[in-house]
């Protein structure tokens, strides 16, 4: 297991959310993987806006 330094919290694009949302990456796959896991936090009243992912998305 490789331990990585914590990446800075990222404010997510306003076009993806109504209200403010932030993400912390907890896993980023190495090539050729595109796997990624994030912890997403929402400000009170914020929610996900509909959007799509060009290469697909699994939840």
Protein backbone atom coordinates (compact mmCIF):
# COMPACT_ATOMS: atom_id res chain seq x y z
CA UNK A 1 0.00 0.00 0.00
CA UNK A 2 1.32 3.43 -0.91
CA UNK A 3 0.41 6.28 1.42
CA UNK A 4 -0.04 9.58 -0.36
CA UNK A 5 -0.04 13.11 1.00
CA UNK A 6 -3.52 14.56 1.39
CA UNK A 7 -4.46 16.62 -1.65
CA UNK A 8 -6.03 20.05 -1.10
CA UNK A 9 -9.80 20.25 -0.95
CA UNK A 10 -11.22 21.40 -4.30
CA UNK A 11 -14.25 23.64 -4.78
CA UNK A 12 -16.35 21.98 -7.46
CA UNK A 13 -17.62 23.76 -10.61
CA UNK A 14 -20.75 25.85 -10.10
CA UNK A 15 -22.30 24.39 -13.29
CA UNK A 16 -22.36 20.91 -11.65
CA UNK A 17 -24.11 22.00 -8.42
CA UNK A 18 -26.68 24.42 -7.11
CA UNK A 19 -24.92 25.94 -4.12
CA UNK A 20 -21.36 25.26 -3.02
CA UNK A 21 -19.74 21.82 -3.01
CA UNK A 22 -16.20 20.65 -2.26
CA UNK A 23 -14.34 17.40 -2.96
CA UNK A 24 -11.42 15.53 -1.44
CA UNK A 25 -9.81 12.83 -3.60
CA UNK A 26 -9.38 9.64 -1.54
CA UNK A 27 -8.24 7.38 -4.40
CA UNK A 28 -6.84 8.11 -7.86
CA UNK A 29 -6.11 5.12 -10.07
CA UNK A 30 -2.88 4.93 -12.03
CA UNK A 31 -2.82 4.50 -15.82
CA UNK A 32 -4.50 2.80 -17.54
CA UNK A 33 -7.17 2.99 -14.80
CA UNK A 34 -9.45 6.00 -14.63
CA UNK A 35 -10.82 4.93 -11.25
CA UNK A 36 -11.25 7.72 -8.76
CA UNK A 37 -13.03 8.05 -5.43
CA UNK A 38 -13.96 11.40 -3.90
CA UNK A 39 -15.61 12.53 -0.69
CA UNK A 40 -18.01 15.34 -1.63
CA UNK A 41 -19.41 17.84 0.88
CA UNK A 42 -22.32 20.17 0.21
CA UNK A 43 -23.14 23.54 1.76
CA UNK A 44 -26.60 23.68 3.39
CA UNK A 45 -29.25 23.69 0.65
CA UNK A 46 -26.80 22.73 -2.13
CA UNK A 47 -27.51 19.78 -4.41
CA UNK A 48 -26.20 18.07 -7.51
CA UNK A 49 -27.20 19.59 -10.85
CA UNK A 50 -27.69 17.20 -13.78
CA UNK A 51 -24.51 16.67 -15.77
CA UNK A 52 -22.85 13.90 -17.75
CA UNK A 53 -19.44 12.25 -17.89
CA UNK A 54 -17.92 11.66 -21.32
CA UNK A 55 -16.40 8.29 -20.38
CA UNK A 56 -19.26 7.18 -18.14
CA UNK A 57 -19.65 7.09 -14.39
CA UNK A 58 -20.21 4.35 -11.81
CA UNK A 59 -21.52 5.07 -8.34
